[in-house]
PDB file of all heavy atoms in Angstrom:
ATOM      1  N   MET A   1      24.805  -0.477 -73.309  1.00  0.00           N
ATOM      2  CA  MET A   1      24.234  -0.055 -72.041  1.00  0.00           C
ATOM      3  C   MET A   1      25.155   0.972 -71.402  1.00  0.00           C
ATOM      4  O   MET A   1      26.312   0.667 -71.094  1.00  0.00           O
ATOM      5  CB  MET A   1      24.030  -1.251 -71.110  1.00  0.00           C
ATOM      6  CG  MET A   1      23.171  -2.359 -71.708  1.00  0.00           C
ATOM      7  SD  MET A   1      22.817  -3.687 -70.524  1.00  0.00           S
ATOM      8  CE  MET A   1      24.469  -4.351 -70.289  1.00  0.00           C
ATOM      9  N   ASN A   2      24.633   2.155 -71.208  1.00  0.00           N
ATOM     10  CA  ASN A   2      25.377   3.241 -70.591  1.00  0.00           C
ATOM     11  C   ASN A   2      24.700   3.665 -69.297  1.00  0.00           C
ATOM     12  O   ASN A   2      23.535   3.362 -69.054  1.00  0.00           O
ATOM     13  CB  ASN A   2      25.485   4.432 -71.540  1.00  0.00           C
ATOM     14  CG  ASN A   2      26.202   4.110 -72.829  1.00  0.00           C
ATOM     15  OD1 ASN A   2      27.155   3.339 -72.846  1.00  0.00           O
ATOM     16  ND2 ASN A   2      25.754   4.718 -73.925  1.00  0.00           N
ATOM     17  N   SER A   3      25.437   4.376 -68.488  1.00  0.00           N
ATOM     18  CA  SER A   3      24.916   4.890 -67.219  1.00  0.00           C
ATOM     19  C   SER A   3      24.258   3.793 -66.401  1.00  0.00           C
ATOM     20  O   SER A   3      23.157   3.956 -65.866  1.00  0.00           O
ATOM     21  CB  SER A   3      23.936   6.037 -67.483  1.00  0.00           C
ATOM     22  OG  SER A   3      24.556   7.091 -68.182  1.00  0.00           O
ATOM     23  N   LEU A   4      24.935   2.688 -66.305  1.00  0.00           N
ATOM     24  CA  LEU A   4      24.383   1.548 -65.583  1.00  0.00           C
ATOM     25  C   LEU A   4      24.289   1.835 -64.089  1.00  0.00           C
ATOM     26  O   LEU A   4      25.121   2.543 -63.519  1.00  0.00           O
ATOM     27  CB  LEU A   4      25.243   0.316 -65.820  1.00  0.00           C
ATOM     28  CG  LEU A   4      25.125  -0.301 -67.215  1.00  0.00           C
ATOM     29  CD1 LEU A   4      26.275  -1.264 -67.471  1.00  0.00           C
ATOM     30  CD2 LEU A   4      23.785  -1.016 -67.358  1.00  0.00           C
ATOM     31  N   ASN A   5      23.281   1.290 -63.486  1.00  0.00           N
ATOM     32  CA  ASN A   5      23.091   1.405 -62.052  1.00  0.00           C
ATOM     33  C   ASN A   5      22.792   0.028 -61.487  1.00  0.00           C
ATOM     34  O   ASN A   5      22.492  -0.910 -62.232  1.00  0.00           O
ATOM     35  CB  ASN A   5      21.980   2.409 -61.719  1.00  0.00           C
ATOM     36  CG  ASN A   5      20.660   2.075 -62.384  1.00  0.00           C
ATOM     37  OD1 ASN A   5      20.043   1.069 -62.069  1.00  0.00           O
ATOM     38  ND2 ASN A   5      20.219   2.936 -63.297  1.00  0.00           N
ATOM     39  N   PRO A   6      22.878  -0.129 -60.173  1.00  0.00           N
ATOM     40  CA  PRO A   6      22.665  -1.457 -59.590  1.00  0.00           C
ATOM     41  C   PRO A   6      21.313  -2.081 -59.931  1.00  0.00           C
ATOM     42  O   PRO A   6      21.196  -3.309 -59.944  1.00  0.00           O
ATOM     43  CB  PRO A   6      22.785  -1.196 -58.081  1.00  0.00           C
ATOM     44  CG  PRO A   6      23.721  -0.035 -57.993  1.00  0.00           C
ATOM     45  CD  PRO A   6      23.363   0.831 -59.167  1.00  0.00           C
ATOM     46  N   GLU A   7      20.322  -1.264 -60.212  1.00  0.00           N
ATOM     47  CA  GLU A   7      19.007  -1.780 -60.580  1.00  0.00           C
ATOM     48  C   GLU A   7      19.019  -2.491 -61.926  1.00  0.00           C
ATOM     49  O   GLU A   7      18.071  -3.203 -62.251  1.00  0.00           O
ATOM     50  CB  GLU A   7      17.975  -0.659 -60.600  1.00  0.00           C
ATOM     51  CG  GLU A   7      17.604  -0.103 -59.224  1.00  0.00           C
ATOM     52  CD  GLU A   7      18.731   0.696 -58.592  1.00  0.00           C
ATOM     53  OE1 GLU A   7      19.456   1.399 -59.332  1.00  0.00           O
ATOM     54  OE2 GLU A   7      18.895   0.618 -57.361  1.00  0.00           O
ATOM     55  N   ASP A   8      20.069  -2.302 -62.697  1.00  0.00           N
ATOM     56  CA  ASP A   8      20.196  -2.979 -63.978  1.00  0.00           C
ATOM     57  C   ASP A   8      20.771  -4.382 -63.841  1.00  0.00           C
ATOM     58  O   ASP A   8      20.869  -5.110 -64.835  1.00  0.00           O
ATOM     59  CB  ASP A   8      21.071  -2.164 -64.935  1.00  0.00           C
ATOM     60  CG  ASP A   8      20.452  -0.825 -65.289  1.00  0.00           C
ATOM     61  OD1 ASP A   8      19.238  -0.785 -65.571  1.00  0.00           O
ATOM     62  OD2 ASP A   8      21.187   0.183 -65.281  1.00  0.00           O
ATOM     63  N   THR A   9      21.174  -4.751 -62.655  1.00  0.00           N
ATOM     64  CA  THR A   9      21.726  -6.079 -62.434  1.00  0.00           C
ATOM     65  C   THR A   9      20.678  -7.140 -62.726  1.00  0.00           C
ATOM     66  O   THR A   9      19.588  -7.135 -62.147  1.00  0.00           O
ATOM     67  CB  THR A   9      22.227  -6.226 -60.996  1.00  0.00           C
ATOM     68  OG1 THR A   9      23.307  -5.316 -60.770  1.00  0.00           O
ATOM     69  CG2 THR A   9      22.711  -7.644 -60.731  1.00  0.00           C
ATOM     70  N   ALA A  10      21.008  -8.043 -63.622  1.00  0.00           N
ATOM     71  CA  ALA A  10      20.072  -9.079 -64.042  1.00  0.00           C
ATOM     72  C   ALA A  10      20.769 -10.000 -65.022  1.00  0.00           C
ATOM     73  O   ALA A  10      21.874  -9.719 -65.491  1.00  0.00           O
ATOM     74  CB  ALA A  10      18.828  -8.465 -64.688  1.00  0.00           C
ATOM     75  N   VAL A  11      20.099 -11.089 -65.333  1.00  0.00           N
ATOM     76  CA  VAL A  11      20.514 -11.919 -66.445  1.00  0.00           C
ATOM     77  C   VAL A  11      19.829 -11.386 -67.691  1.00  0.00           C
ATOM     78  O   VAL A  11      18.607 -11.231 -67.718  1.00  0.00           O
ATOM     79  CB  VAL A  11      20.152 -13.400 -66.227  1.00  0.00           C
ATOM     80  CG1 VAL A  11      20.524 -14.225 -67.452  1.00  0.00           C
ATOM     81  CG2 VAL A  11      20.859 -13.937 -64.989  1.00  0.00           C
ATOM     82  N   TYR A  12      20.612 -11.089 -68.689  1.00  0.00           N
ATOM     83  CA  TYR A  12      20.091 -10.541 -69.925  1.00  0.00           C
ATOM     84  C   TYR A  12      20.011 -11.641 -70.974  1.00  0.00           C
ATOM     85  O   TYR A  12      20.986 -12.354 -71.210  1.00  0.00           O
ATOM     86  CB  TYR A  12      20.974  -9.394 -70.414  1.00  0.00           C
ATOM     87  CG  TYR A  12      20.785  -8.131 -69.611  1.00  0.00           C
ATOM     88  CD1 TYR A  12      21.251  -8.043 -68.303  1.00  0.00           C
ATOM     89  CD2 TYR A  12      20.121  -7.030 -70.152  1.00  0.00           C
ATOM     90  CE1 TYR A  12      21.054  -6.902 -67.554  1.00  0.00           C
ATOM     91  CE2 TYR A  12      19.927  -5.882 -69.407  1.00  0.00           C
ATOM     92  CZ  TYR A  12      20.400  -5.825 -68.109  1.00  0.00           C
ATOM     93  OH  TYR A  12      20.212  -4.679 -67.365  1.00  0.00           O
ATOM     94  N   TYR A  13      18.847 -11.745 -71.583  1.00  0.00           N
ATOM     95  CA  TYR A  13      18.580 -12.787 -72.554  1.00  0.00           C
ATOM     96  C   TYR A  13      18.374 -12.208 -73.940  1.00  0.00           C
ATOM     97  O   TYR A  13      17.658 -11.218 -74.105  1.00  0.00           O
ATOM     98  CB  TYR A  13      17.327 -13.579 -72.176  1.00  0.00           C
ATOM     99  CG  TYR A  13      17.430 -14.327 -70.874  1.00  0.00           C
ATOM    100  CD1 TYR A  13      17.051 -13.736 -69.675  1.00  0.00           C
ATOM    101  CD2 TYR A  13      17.890 -15.634 -70.840  1.00  0.00           C
ATOM    102  CE1 TYR A  13      17.133 -14.420 -68.480  1.00  0.00           C
ATOM    103  CE2 TYR A  13      17.974 -16.330 -69.657  1.00  0.00           C
ATOM    104  CZ  TYR A  13      17.593 -15.717 -68.475  1.00  0.00           C
ATOM    105  OH  TYR A  13      17.668 -16.404 -67.289  1.00  0.00           O
ATOM    106  N   CYS A  14      18.974 -12.839 -74.892  1.00  0.00           N
ATOM    107  CA  CYS A  14      18.756 -12.499 -76.288  1.00  0.00           C
ATOM    108  C   CYS A  14      17.566 -13.286 -76.816  1.00  0.00           C
ATOM    109  O   CYS A  14      17.390 -14.464 -76.496  1.00  0.00           O
ATOM    110  CB  CYS A  14      20.010 -12.815 -77.091  1.00  0.00           C
ATOM    111  SG  CYS A  14      19.853 -12.621 -78.875  1.00  0.00           S
ATOM    112  N   LYS A  15      16.765 -12.639 -77.596  1.00  0.00           N
ATOM    113  CA  LYS A  15      15.628 -13.291 -78.227  1.00  0.00           C
ATOM    114  C   LYS A  15      15.569 -12.898 -79.690  1.00  0.00           C
ATOM    115  O   LYS A  15      15.726 -11.728 -80.035  1.00  0.00           O
ATOM    116  CB  LYS A  15      14.320 -12.897 -77.548  1.00  0.00           C
ATOM    117  CG  LYS A  15      13.077 -13.438 -78.245  1.00  0.00           C
ATOM    118  CD  LYS A  15      11.834 -12.688 -77.829  1.00  0.00           C
ATOM    119  CE  LYS A  15      10.642 -13.082 -78.670  1.00  0.00           C
ATOM    120  NZ  LYS A  15       9.454 -12.263 -78.376  1.00  0.00           N
ATOM    121  N   ILE A  16      15.345 -13.878 -80.533  1.00  0.00           N
ATOM    122  CA  ILE A  16      15.122 -13.594 -81.940  1.00  0.00           C
ATOM    123  C   ILE A  16      13.818 -14.237 -82.371  1.00  0.00           C
ATOM    124  O   ILE A  16      13.393 -15.257 -81.820  1.00  0.00           O
ATOM    125  CB  ILE A  16      16.273 -14.087 -82.839  1.00  0.00           C
ATOM    126  CG1 ILE A  16      16.359 -15.617 -82.832  1.00  0.00           C
ATOM    127  CG2 ILE A  16      17.588 -13.462 -82.414  1.00  0.00           C
ATOM    128  CD1 ILE A  16      17.293 -16.175 -83.890  1.00  0.00           C
ATOM    129  N   THR A  17      13.192 -13.626 -83.331  1.00  0.00           N
ATOM    130  CA  THR A  17      11.993 -14.171 -83.938  1.00  0.00           C
ATOM    131  C   THR A  17      12.324 -14.521 -85.375  1.00  0.00           C
ATOM    132  O   THR A  17      12.760 -13.662 -86.141  1.00  0.00           O
ATOM    133  CB  THR A  17      10.838 -13.167 -83.882  1.00  0.00           C
ATOM    134  OG1 THR A  17      10.562 -12.828 -82.526  1.00  0.00           O
ATOM    135  CG2 THR A  17       9.585 -13.767 -84.499  1.00  0.00           C
ATOM    136  N   VAL A  18      12.122 -15.780 -85.710  1.00  0.00           N
ATOM    137  CA  VAL A  18      12.483 -16.296 -87.018  1.00  0.00           C
ATOM    138  C   VAL A  18      11.218 -16.589 -87.806  1.00  0.00           C
ATOM    139  O   VAL A  18      10.306 -17.246 -87.295  1.00  0.00           O
ATOM    140  CB  VAL A  18      13.344 -17.568 -86.900  1.00  0.00           C
ATOM    141  CG1 VAL A  18      13.664 -18.131 -88.278  1.00  0.00           C
ATOM    142  CG2 VAL A  18      14.630 -17.261 -86.144  1.00  0.00           C
ATOM    143  N   GLN A  19      11.191 -16.120 -89.008  1.00  0.00           N
ATOM    144  CA  GLN A  19      10.038 -16.363 -89.855  1.00  0.00           C
ATOM    145  C   GLN A  19       9.978 -17.829 -90.243  1.00  0.00           C
ATOM    146  O   GLN A  19      10.950 -18.388 -90.756  1.00  0.00           O
ATOM    147  CB  GLN A  19      10.096 -15.480 -91.095  1.00  0.00           C
ATOM    148  CG  GLN A  19       8.858 -15.555 -91.962  1.00  0.00           C
ATOM    149  CD  GLN A  19       8.864 -14.516 -93.066  1.00  0.00           C
ATOM    150  OE1 GLN A  19       9.729 -13.657 -93.120  1.00  0.00           O
ATOM    151  NE2 GLN A  19       7.887 -14.600 -93.955  1.00  0.00           N
ATOM    152  N   SER A  20       8.850 -18.446 -89.994  1.00  0.00           N
ATOM    153  CA  SER A  20       8.653 -19.845 -90.327  1.00  0.00           C
ATOM    154  C   SER A  20       7.634 -20.049 -91.432  1.00  0.00           C
ATOM    155  O   SER A  20       7.406 -21.160 -91.874  1.00  0.00           O
ATOM    156  CB  SER A  20       8.222 -20.631 -89.082  1.00  0.00           C
ATOM    157  OG  SER A  20       7.023 -20.118 -88.537  1.00  0.00           O
ATOM    158  N   GLY A  21       7.031 -18.990 -91.851  1.00  0.00           N
ATOM    159  CA  GLY A  21       6.062 -18.991 -92.920  1.00  0.00           C
ATOM    160  C   GLY A  21       5.751 -17.560 -93.289  1.00  0.00           C
ATOM    161  O   GLY A  21       6.294 -16.617 -92.697  1.00  0.00           O
ATOM    162  N   PHE A  22       4.884 -17.409 -94.252  1.00  0.00           N
ATOM    163  CA  PHE A  22       4.561 -16.049 -94.674  1.00  0.00           C
ATOM    164  C   PHE A  22       3.962 -15.218 -93.548  1.00  0.00           C
ATOM    165  O   PHE A  22       4.203 -14.011 -93.469  1.00  0.00           O
ATOM    166  CB  PHE A  22       3.600 -16.094 -95.865  1.00  0.00           C
ATOM    167  CG  PHE A  22       4.217 -16.631 -97.116  1.00  0.00           C
ATOM    168  CD1 PHE A  22       3.606 -17.641 -97.836  1.00  0.00           C
ATOM    169  CD2 PHE A  22       5.426 -16.136 -97.582  1.00  0.00           C
ATOM    170  CE1 PHE A  22       4.174 -18.141 -98.994  1.00  0.00           C
ATOM    171  CE2 PHE A  22       6.009 -16.629 -98.737  1.00  0.00           C
ATOM    172  CZ  PHE A  22       5.376 -17.638 -99.446  1.00  0.00           C
ATOM    173  N   ASN A  23       3.188 -15.849 -92.693  1.00  0.00           N
ATOM    174  CA  ASN A  23       2.523 -15.143 -91.611  1.00  0.00           C
ATOM    175  C   ASN A  23       2.827 -15.729 -90.239  1.00  0.00           C
ATOM    176  O   ASN A  23       2.150 -15.385 -89.265  1.00  0.00           O
ATOM    177  CB  ASN A  23       1.007 -15.144 -91.843  1.00  0.00           C
ATOM    178  CG  ASN A  23       0.607 -14.462 -93.127  1.00  0.00           C
ATOM    179  OD1 ASN A  23       1.025 -13.338 -93.397  1.00  0.00           O
ATOM    180  ND2 ASN A  23      -0.197 -15.138 -93.934  1.00  0.00           N
ATOM    181  N   ASP A  24       3.818 -16.586 -90.159  1.00  0.00           N
ATOM    182  CA  ASP A  24       4.144 -17.240 -88.899  1.00  0.00           C
ATOM    183  C   ASP A  24       5.594 -16.997 -88.527  1.00  0.00           C
ATOM    184  O   ASP A  24       6.441 -16.748 -89.382  1.00  0.00           O
ATOM    185  CB  ASP A  24       3.887 -18.744 -88.985  1.00  0.00           C
ATOM    186  CG  ASP A  24       2.436 -19.083 -89.244  1.00  0.00           C
ATOM    187  OD1 ASP A  24       1.562 -18.432 -88.630  1.00  0.00           O
ATOM    188  OD2 ASP A  24       2.178 -19.994 -90.052  1.00  0.00           O
ATOM    189  N   ALA A  25       5.874 -17.090 -87.236  1.00  0.00           N
ATOM    190  CA  ALA A  25       7.223 -16.903 -86.744  1.00  0.00           C
ATOM    191  C   ALA A  25       7.426 -17.732 -85.491  1.00  0.00           C
ATOM    192  O   ALA A  25       6.480 -18.065 -84.787  1.00  0.00           O
ATOM    193  CB  ALA A  25       7.497 -15.430 -86.453  1.00  0.00           C
ATOM    194  N   MET A  26       8.675 -18.059 -85.226  1.00  0.00           N
ATOM    195  CA  MET A  26       9.055 -18.783 -84.022  1.00  0.00           C
ATOM    196  C   MET A  26      10.080 -17.979 -83.244  1.00  0.00           C
ATOM    197  O   MET A  26      10.937 -17.321 -83.833  1.00  0.00           O
ATOM    198  CB  MET A  26       9.633 -20.154 -84.370  1.00  0.00           C
ATOM    199  CG  MET A  26       8.659 -21.101 -85.034  1.00  0.00           C
ATOM    200  SD  MET A  26       9.389 -22.727 -85.367  1.00  0.00           S
ATOM    201  CE  MET A  26       9.722 -23.283 -83.691  1.00  0.00           C
ATOM    202  N   ALA A  27       9.981 -18.040 -81.940  1.00  0.00           N
ATOM    203  CA  ALA A  27      10.900 -17.317 -81.072  1.00  0.00           C
ATOM    204  C   ALA A  27      11.968 -18.252 -80.522  1.00  0.00           C
ATOM    205  O   ALA A  27      11.684 -19.386 -80.144  1.00  0.00           O
ATOM    206  CB  ALA A  27      10.146 -16.657 -79.926  1.00  0.00           C
ATOM    207  N   TYR A  28      13.188 -17.752 -80.474  1.00  0.00           N
ATOM    208  CA  TYR A  28      14.309 -18.485 -79.915  1.00  0.00           C
ATOM    209  C   TYR A  28      14.981 -17.622 -78.864  1.00  0.00           C
ATOM    210  O   TYR A  28      15.116 -16.408 -79.036  1.00  0.00           O
ATOM    211  CB  TYR A  28      15.322 -18.864 -80.991  1.00  0.00           C
ATOM    212  CG  TYR A  28      14.797 -19.861 -81.997  1.00  0.00           C
ATOM    213  CD1 TYR A  28      14.058 -19.445 -83.096  1.00  0.00           C
ATOM    214  CD2 TYR A  28      15.040 -21.217 -81.845  1.00  0.00           C
ATOM    215  CE1 TYR A  28      13.567 -20.356 -84.018  1.00  0.00           C
ATOM    216  CE2 TYR A  28      14.555 -22.135 -82.765  1.00  0.00           C
ATOM    217  CZ  TYR A  28      13.825 -21.695 -83.844  1.00  0.00           C
ATOM    218  OH  TYR A  28      13.346 -22.607 -84.759  1.00  0.00           O
ATOM    219  N   TRP A  29      15.403 -18.268 -77.806  1.00  0.00           N
ATOM    220  CA  TRP A  29      16.020 -17.573 -76.687  1.00  0.00           C
ATOM    221  C   TRP A  29      17.452 -18.029 -76.463  1.00  0.00           C
ATOM    222  O   TRP A  29      17.772 -19.213 -76.596  1.00  0.00           O
ATOM    223  CB  TRP A  29      15.239 -17.819 -75.397  1.00  0.00           C
ATOM    224  CG  TRP A  29      13.877 -17.208 -75.384  1.00  0.00           C
ATOM    225  CD1 TRP A  29      12.735 -17.756 -75.883  1.00  0.00           C
ATOM    226  CD2 TRP A  29      13.522 -15.946 -74.840  1.00  0.00           C
ATOM    227  NE1 TRP A  29      11.675 -16.901 -75.679  1.00  0.00           N
ATOM    228  CE2 TRP A  29      12.134 -15.785 -75.041  1.00  0.00           C
ATOM    229  CE3 TRP A  29      14.228 -14.933 -74.194  1.00  0.00           C
ATOM    230  CZ2 TRP A  29      11.449 -14.639 -74.617  1.00  0.00           C
ATOM    231  CZ3 TRP A  29      13.556 -13.804 -73.774  1.00  0.00           C
ATOM    232  CH2 TRP A  29      12.179 -13.666 -73.989  1.00  0.00           C
ATOM    233  N   GLY A  30      18.298 -17.083 -76.109  1.00  0.00           N
ATOM    234  CA  GLY A  30      19.624 -17.425 -75.667  1.00  0.00           C
ATOM    235  C   GLY A  30      19.601 -17.894 -74.228  1.00  0.00           C
ATOM    236  O   GLY A  30      18.569 -17.833 -73.549  1.00  0.00           O
ATOM    237  N   LYS A  31      20.727 -18.370 -73.749  1.00  0.00           N
ATOM    238  CA  LYS A  31      20.806 -18.875 -72.390  1.00  0.00           C
ATOM    239  C   LYS A  31      21.054 -17.787 -71.357  1.00  0.00           C
ATOM    240  O   LYS A  31      20.965 -18.046 -70.162  1.00  0.00           O
ATOM    241  CB  LYS A  31      21.895 -19.940 -72.296  1.00  0.00           C
ATOM    242  CG  LYS A  31      21.583 -21.192 -73.111  1.00  0.00           C
ATOM    243  CD  LYS A  31      22.638 -22.261 -72.928  1.00  0.00           C
ATOM    244  CE  LYS A  31      22.281 -23.518 -73.699  1.00  0.00           C
ATOM    245  NZ  LYS A  31      23.295 -24.585 -73.526  1.00  0.00           N
ATOM    246  N   GLY A  32      21.340 -16.595 -71.793  1.00  0.00           N
ATOM    247  CA  GLY A  32      21.488 -15.464 -70.895  1.00  0.00           C
ATOM    248  C   GLY A  32      22.933 -15.159 -70.552  1.00  0.00           C
ATOM    249  O   GLY A  32      23.786 -16.041 -70.527  1.00  0.00           O
ATOM    250  N   THR A  33      23.186 -13.902 -70.279  1.00  0.00           N
ATOM    251  CA  THR A  33      24.487 -13.454 -69.806  1.00  0.00           C
ATOM    252  C   THR A  33      24.272 -12.532 -68.615  1.00  0.00           C
ATOM    253  O   THR A  33      23.402 -11.658 -68.633  1.00  0.00           O
ATOM    254  CB  THR A  33      25.278 -12.744 -70.934  1.00  0.00           C
ATOM    255  OG1 THR A  33      26.571 -12.376 -70.462  1.00  0.00           O
ATOM    256  CG2 THR A  33      24.549 -11.508 -71.438  1.00  0.00           C
ATOM    257  N   LEU A  34      25.038 -12.744 -67.578  1.00  0.00           N
ATOM    258  CA  LEU A  34      24.835 -12.020 -66.327  1.00  0.00           C
ATOM    259  C   LEU A  34      25.518 -10.670 -66.359  1.00  0.00           C
ATOM    260  O   LEU A  34      26.700 -10.560 -66.692  1.00  0.00           O
ATOM    261  CB  LEU A  34      25.366 -12.840 -65.148  1.00  0.00           C
ATOM    262  CG  LEU A  34      25.278 -12.189 -63.766  1.00  0.00           C
ATOM    263  CD1 LEU A  34      23.828 -11.936 -63.372  1.00  0.00           C
ATOM    264  CD2 LEU A  34      25.981 -13.059 -62.728  1.00  0.00           C
ATOM    265  N   VAL A  35      24.755  -9.653 -66.000  1.00  0.00           N
ATOM    266  CA  VAL A  35      25.273  -8.299 -65.839  1.00  0.00           C
ATOM    267  C   VAL A  35      25.137  -7.922 -64.376  1.00  0.00           C
ATOM    268  O   VAL A  35      24.039  -7.955 -63.820  1.00  0.00           O
ATOM    269  CB  VAL A  35      24.515  -7.292 -66.720  1.00  0.00           C
ATOM    270  CG1 VAL A  35      24.933  -5.861 -66.390  1.00  0.00           C
ATOM    271  CG2 VAL A  35      24.760  -7.591 -68.191  1.00  0.00           C
TER     272      VAL A  35
END
């Protein structure tokens, strides 16, 4: 993240999508990190 401004202040969450089958997937979320 470059050229940050106060409007970027937020909790940022990581999300991954994990394949659970040939045509299916599950989403997982992190707990967040504050910026």
